[in-house]
PDB file of all heavy atoms in Angstrom:
ATOM      1  N   MET A   1      46.012 -20.124 -67.070  1.00  0.00           N
ATOM      2  CA  MET A   1      45.761 -18.703 -67.281  1.00  0.00           C
ATOM      3  C   MET A   1      46.032 -17.919 -65.996  1.00  0.00           C
ATOM      4  O   MET A   1      45.548 -18.286 -64.929  1.00  0.00           O
ATOM      5  CB  MET A   1      44.323 -18.489 -67.742  1.00  0.00           C
ATOM      6  CG  MET A   1      44.030 -19.049 -69.120  1.00  0.00           C
ATOM      7  SD  MET A   1      42.415 -18.515 -69.783  1.00  0.00           S
ATOM      8  CE  MET A   1      41.319 -19.243 -68.557  1.00  0.00           C
ATOM      9  N   CYS A   2      46.816 -16.837 -66.120  1.00  0.00           N
ATOM     10  CA  CYS A   2      47.220 -16.054 -64.955  1.00  0.00           C
ATOM     11  C   CYS A   2      46.756 -14.607 -64.998  1.00  0.00           C
ATOM     12  O   CYS A   2      46.773 -13.922 -63.974  1.00  0.00           O
ATOM     13  CB  CYS A   2      48.741 -16.071 -64.833  1.00  0.00           C
ATOM     14  SG  CYS A   2      49.468 -17.718 -64.745  1.00  0.00           S
ATOM     15  N   GLY A   3      46.379 -14.126 -66.171  1.00  0.00           N
ATOM     16  CA  GLY A   3      45.961 -12.740 -66.312  1.00  0.00           C
ATOM     17  C   GLY A   3      45.842 -12.395 -67.782  1.00  0.00           C
ATOM     18  O   GLY A   3      45.963 -13.265 -68.652  1.00  0.00           O
ATOM     19  N   GLY A   4      45.608 -11.130 -68.065  1.00  0.00           N
ATOM     20  CA  GLY A   4      45.420 -10.709 -69.439  1.00  0.00           C
ATOM     21  C   GLY A   4      46.134  -9.413 -69.741  1.00  0.00           C
ATOM     22  O   GLY A   4      46.688  -8.748 -68.853  1.00  0.00           O
ATOM     23  N   ALA A   5      46.121  -9.029 -71.003  1.00  0.00           N
ATOM     24  CA  ALA A   5      46.713  -7.768 -71.444  1.00  0.00           C
ATOM     25  C   ALA A   5      45.960  -7.285 -72.666  1.00  0.00           C
ATOM     26  O   ALA A   5      45.600  -8.075 -73.543  1.00  0.00           O
ATOM     27  CB  ALA A   5      48.199  -7.935 -71.760  1.00  0.00           C
ATOM     28  N   THR A   6      45.736  -5.977 -72.721  1.00  0.00           N
ATOM     29  CA  THR A   6      45.007  -5.392 -73.829  1.00  0.00           C
ATOM     30  C   THR A   6      45.448  -3.945 -73.995  1.00  0.00           C
ATOM     31  O   THR A   6      46.133  -3.381 -73.134  1.00  0.00           O
ATOM     32  CB  THR A   6      43.485  -5.473 -73.576  1.00  0.00           C
ATOM     33  OG1 THR A   6      42.769  -5.042 -74.733  1.00  0.00           O
ATOM     34  CG2 THR A   6      43.075  -4.606 -72.394  1.00  0.00           C
ATOM     35  N   LYS A   7      45.060  -3.339 -75.094  1.00  0.00           N
ATOM     36  CA  LYS A   7      45.387  -1.940 -75.353  1.00  0.00           C
ATOM     37  C   LYS A   7      44.560  -1.025 -74.457  1.00  0.00           C
ATOM     38  O   LYS A   7      43.374  -1.282 -74.224  1.00  0.00           O
ATOM     39  CB  LYS A   7      45.118  -1.621 -76.827  1.00  0.00           C
ATOM     40  CG  LYS A   7      45.408  -0.190 -77.231  1.00  0.00           C
ATOM     41  CD  LYS A   7      45.062   0.034 -78.704  1.00  0.00           C
ATOM     42  CE  LYS A   7      45.286   1.488 -79.104  1.00  0.00           C
ATOM     43  NZ  LYS A   7      44.932   1.722 -80.524  1.00  0.00           N
ATOM     44  N   GLN A   8      45.180   0.025 -73.947  1.00  0.00           N
ATOM     45  CA  GLN A   8      44.458   1.034 -73.172  1.00  0.00           C
ATOM     46  C   GLN A   8      43.554   1.818 -74.123  1.00  0.00           C
ATOM     47  O   GLN A   8      44.018   2.494 -75.025  1.00  0.00           O
ATOM     48  CB  GLN A   8      45.443   1.974 -72.476  1.00  0.00           C
ATOM     49  CG  GLN A   8      44.816   3.145 -71.753  1.00  0.00           C
ATOM     50  CD  GLN A   8      43.881   2.753 -70.632  1.00  0.00           C
ATOM     51  OE1 GLN A   8      42.676   2.553 -70.877  1.00  0.00           O
ATOM     52  NE2 GLN A   8      44.419   2.623 -69.429  1.00  0.00           N
ATOM     53  N   GLU A   9      42.242   1.683 -73.924  1.00  0.00           N
ATOM     54  CA  GLU A   9      41.268   2.300 -74.817  1.00  0.00           C
ATOM     55  C   GLU A   9      40.769   3.657 -74.330  1.00  0.00           C
ATOM     56  O   GLU A   9      40.086   4.366 -75.062  1.00  0.00           O
ATOM     57  CB  GLU A   9      40.071   1.357 -75.009  1.00  0.00           C
ATOM     58  CG  GLU A   9      40.403   0.013 -75.651  1.00  0.00           C
ATOM     59  CD  GLU A   9      40.702   0.115 -77.138  1.00  0.00           C
ATOM     60  OE1 GLU A   9      40.504   1.211 -77.709  1.00  0.00           O
ATOM     61  OE2 GLU A   9      41.142  -0.882 -77.728  1.00  0.00           O
ATOM     62  N   ASN A  10      41.092   4.013 -73.102  1.00  0.00           N
ATOM     63  CA  ASN A  10      40.615   5.276 -72.530  1.00  0.00           C
ATOM     64  C   ASN A  10      41.604   6.394 -72.870  1.00  0.00           C
ATOM     65  O   ASN A  10      42.717   6.430 -72.337  1.00  0.00           O
ATOM     66  CB  ASN A  10      40.471   5.140 -71.014  1.00  0.00           C
ATOM     67  CG  ASN A  10      39.827   6.345 -70.376  1.00  0.00           C
ATOM     68  OD1 ASN A  10      39.379   7.260 -71.063  1.00  0.00           O
ATOM     69  ND2 ASN A  10      39.793   6.364 -69.056  1.00  0.00           N
ATOM     70  N   PRO A  11      41.247   7.315 -73.776  1.00  0.00           N
ATOM     71  CA  PRO A  11      42.196   8.366 -74.175  1.00  0.00           C
ATOM     72  C   PRO A  11      42.709   9.161 -72.982  1.00  0.00           C
ATOM     73  O   PRO A  11      41.956   9.600 -72.128  1.00  0.00           O
ATOM     74  CB  PRO A  11      41.354   9.248 -75.111  1.00  0.00           C
ATOM     75  CG  PRO A  11      40.261   8.353 -75.601  1.00  0.00           C
ATOM     76  CD  PRO A  11      39.944   7.446 -74.448  1.00  0.00           C
ATOM     77  N   GLY A  12      44.010   9.307 -72.938  1.00  0.00           N
ATOM     78  CA  GLY A  12      44.621  10.086 -71.871  1.00  0.00           C
ATOM     79  C   GLY A  12      44.907   9.302 -70.611  1.00  0.00           C
ATOM     80  O   GLY A  12      45.597   9.804 -69.718  1.00  0.00           O
ATOM     81  N   ALA A  13      44.392   8.092 -70.503  1.00  0.00           N
ATOM     82  CA  ALA A  13      44.628   7.279 -69.310  1.00  0.00           C
ATOM     83  C   ALA A  13      46.005   6.625 -69.388  1.00  0.00           C
ATOM     84  O   ALA A  13      46.469   6.258 -70.473  1.00  0.00           O
ATOM     85  CB  ALA A  13      43.549   6.211 -69.164  1.00  0.00           C
ATOM     86  N   PRO A  14      46.667   6.441 -68.258  1.00  0.00           N
ATOM     87  CA  PRO A  14      47.988   5.800 -68.268  1.00  0.00           C
ATOM     88  C   PRO A  14      47.862   4.278 -68.358  1.00  0.00           C
ATOM     89  O   PRO A  14      46.774   3.725 -68.233  1.00  0.00           O
ATOM     90  CB  PRO A  14      48.568   6.208 -66.910  1.00  0.00           C
ATOM     91  CG  PRO A  14      47.348   6.303 -66.027  1.00  0.00           C
ATOM     92  CD  PRO A  14      46.257   6.866 -66.907  1.00  0.00           C
ATOM     93  N   SER A  15      48.981   3.630 -68.568  1.00  0.00           N
ATOM     94  CA  SER A  15      49.003   2.175 -68.451  1.00  0.00           C
ATOM     95  C   SER A  15      48.692   1.789 -67.013  1.00  0.00           C
ATOM     96  O   SER A  15      49.136   2.453 -66.069  1.00  0.00           O
ATOM     97  CB  SER A  15      50.371   1.622 -68.847  1.00  0.00           C
ATOM     98  OG  SER A  15      50.598   1.761 -70.224  1.00  0.00           O
ATOM     99  N   MET A  16      47.939   0.709 -66.844  1.00  0.00           N
ATOM    100  CA  MET A  16      47.545   0.292 -65.503  1.00  0.00           C
ATOM    101  C   MET A  16      47.121  -1.170 -65.512  1.00  0.00           C
ATOM    102  O   MET A  16      46.810  -1.739 -66.565  1.00  0.00           O
ATOM    103  CB  MET A  16      46.361   1.128 -65.012  1.00  0.00           C
ATOM    104  CG  MET A  16      45.136   1.012 -65.902  1.00  0.00           C
ATOM    105  SD  MET A  16      43.653   1.793 -65.223  1.00  0.00           S
ATOM    106  CE  MET A  16      43.254   0.649 -63.903  1.00  0.00           C
ATOM    107  N   TRP A  17      47.127  -1.770 -64.349  1.00  0.00           N
ATOM    108  CA  TRP A  17      46.581  -3.112 -64.160  1.00  0.00           C
ATOM    109  C   TRP A  17      45.184  -2.963 -63.564  1.00  0.00           C
ATOM    110  O   TRP A  17      45.007  -2.292 -62.544  1.00  0.00           O
ATOM    111  CB  TRP A  17      47.468  -3.940 -63.238  1.00  0.00           C
ATOM    112  CG  TRP A  17      48.778  -4.299 -63.866  1.00  0.00           C
ATOM    113  CD1 TRP A  17      49.908  -3.540 -63.891  1.00  0.00           C
ATOM    114  CD2 TRP A  17      49.076  -5.503 -64.579  1.00  0.00           C
ATOM    115  NE1 TRP A  17      50.900  -4.195 -64.570  1.00  0.00           N
ATOM    116  CE2 TRP A  17      50.428  -5.402 -65.004  1.00  0.00           C
ATOM    117  CE3 TRP A  17      48.348  -6.652 -64.899  1.00  0.00           C
ATOM    118  CZ2 TRP A  17      51.056  -6.411 -65.730  1.00  0.00           C
ATOM    119  CZ3 TRP A  17      48.963  -7.657 -65.620  1.00  0.00           C
ATOM    120  CH2 TRP A  17      50.305  -7.538 -66.032  1.00  0.00           C
ATOM    121  N   LEU A  18      44.213  -3.566 -64.216  1.00  0.00           N
ATOM    122  CA  LEU A  18      42.821  -3.471 -63.778  1.00  0.00           C
ATOM    123  C   LEU A  18      42.427  -4.747 -63.036  1.00  0.00           C
ATOM    124  O   LEU A  18      42.603  -5.854 -63.549  1.00  0.00           O
ATOM    125  CB  LEU A  18      41.901  -3.261 -64.980  1.00  0.00           C
ATOM    126  CG  LEU A  18      40.418  -3.062 -64.677  1.00  0.00           C
ATOM    127  CD1 LEU A  18      40.196  -1.794 -63.857  1.00  0.00           C
ATOM    128  CD2 LEU A  18      39.612  -2.995 -65.978  1.00  0.00           C
ATOM    129  N   THR A  19      41.893  -4.568 -61.834  1.00  0.00           N
ATOM    130  CA  THR A  19      41.446  -5.668 -60.987  1.00  0.00           C
ATOM    131  C   THR A  19      39.944  -5.847 -61.128  1.00  0.00           C
ATOM    132  O   THR A  19      39.190  -4.884 -60.965  1.00  0.00           O
ATOM    133  CB  THR A  19      41.787  -5.388 -59.516  1.00  0.00           C
ATOM    134  OG1 THR A  19      43.146  -4.975 -59.412  1.00  0.00           O
ATOM    135  CG2 THR A  19      41.565  -6.616 -58.647  1.00  0.00           C
ATOM    136  N   TRP A  20      39.516  -7.078 -61.412  1.00  0.00           N
ATOM    137  CA  TRP A  20      38.090  -7.380 -61.573  1.00  0.00           C
ATOM    138  C   TRP A  20      37.585  -8.157 -60.359  1.00  0.00           C
ATOM    139  O   TRP A  20      38.156  -9.184 -59.988  1.00  0.00           O
ATOM    140  CB  TRP A  20      37.858  -8.208 -62.835  1.00  0.00           C
ATOM    141  CG  TRP A  20      38.104  -7.451 -64.116  1.00  0.00           C
ATOM    142  CD1 TRP A  20      39.290  -7.359 -64.806  1.00  0.00           C
ATOM    143  CD2 TRP A  20      37.156  -6.670 -64.842  1.00  0.00           C
ATOM    144  NE1 TRP A  20      39.135  -6.574 -65.916  1.00  0.00           N
ATOM    145  CE2 TRP A  20      37.829  -6.129 -65.969  1.00  0.00           C
ATOM    146  CE3 TRP A  20      35.806  -6.371 -64.653  1.00  0.00           C
ATOM    147  CZ2 TRP A  20      37.188  -5.326 -66.902  1.00  0.00           C
ATOM    148  CZ3 TRP A  20      35.173  -5.564 -65.582  1.00  0.00           C
ATOM    149  CH2 TRP A  20      35.857  -5.049 -66.692  1.00  0.00           C
ATOM    150  N   VAL A  21      36.491  -7.673 -59.760  1.00  0.00           N
ATOM    151  CA  VAL A  21      35.883  -8.318 -58.605  1.00  0.00           C
ATOM    152  C   VAL A  21      34.583  -8.989 -59.037  1.00  0.00           C
ATOM    153  O   VAL A  21      33.772  -8.396 -59.760  1.00  0.00           O
ATOM    154  CB  VAL A  21      35.589  -7.291 -57.491  1.00  0.00           C
ATOM    155  CG1 VAL A  21      35.007  -7.987 -56.264  1.00  0.00           C
ATOM    156  CG2 VAL A  21      36.853  -6.522 -57.126  1.00  0.00           C
ATOM    157  N   SER A  22      34.375 -10.209 -58.597  1.00  0.00           N
ATOM    158  CA  SER A  22      33.165 -10.959 -58.933  1.00  0.00           C
ATOM    159  C   SER A  22      31.996 -10.493 -58.068  1.00  0.00           C
ATOM    160  O   SER A  22      32.108 -10.427 -56.840  1.00  0.00           O
ATOM    161  CB  SER A  22      33.405 -12.462 -58.725  1.00  0.00           C
ATOM    162  OG  SER A  22      32.259 -13.200 -59.040  1.00  0.00           O
ATOM    163  N   VAL A  23      30.883 -10.154 -58.718  1.00  0.00           N
ATOM    164  CA  VAL A  23      29.683  -9.716 -58.005  1.00  0.00           C
ATOM    165  C   VAL A  23      28.483 -10.510 -58.509  1.00  0.00           C
ATOM    166  O   VAL A  23      28.508 -11.084 -59.595  1.00  0.00           O
ATOM    167  CB  VAL A  23      29.427  -8.203 -58.186  1.00  0.00           C
ATOM    168  CG1 VAL A  23      30.589  -7.396 -57.615  1.00  0.00           C
ATOM    169  CG2 VAL A  23      29.201  -7.846 -59.647  1.00  0.00           C
ATOM    170  N   ALA A  24      27.418 -10.521 -57.723  1.00  0.00           N
ATOM    171  CA  ALA A  24      26.229 -11.279 -58.102  1.00  0.00           C
ATOM    172  C   ALA A  24      25.395 -10.554 -59.140  1.00  0.00           C
ATOM    173  O   ALA A  24      24.705 -11.181 -59.950  1.00  0.00           O
ATOM    174  CB  ALA A  24      25.379 -11.574 -56.856  1.00  0.00           C
TER     175      ALA A  24
END
């Protein structure tokens, strides 16, 4: 697994790559 892809659910937002940071 290298990453994911999904539909942009935020109306009016552009296509983008979202980075997730691990937190406690």
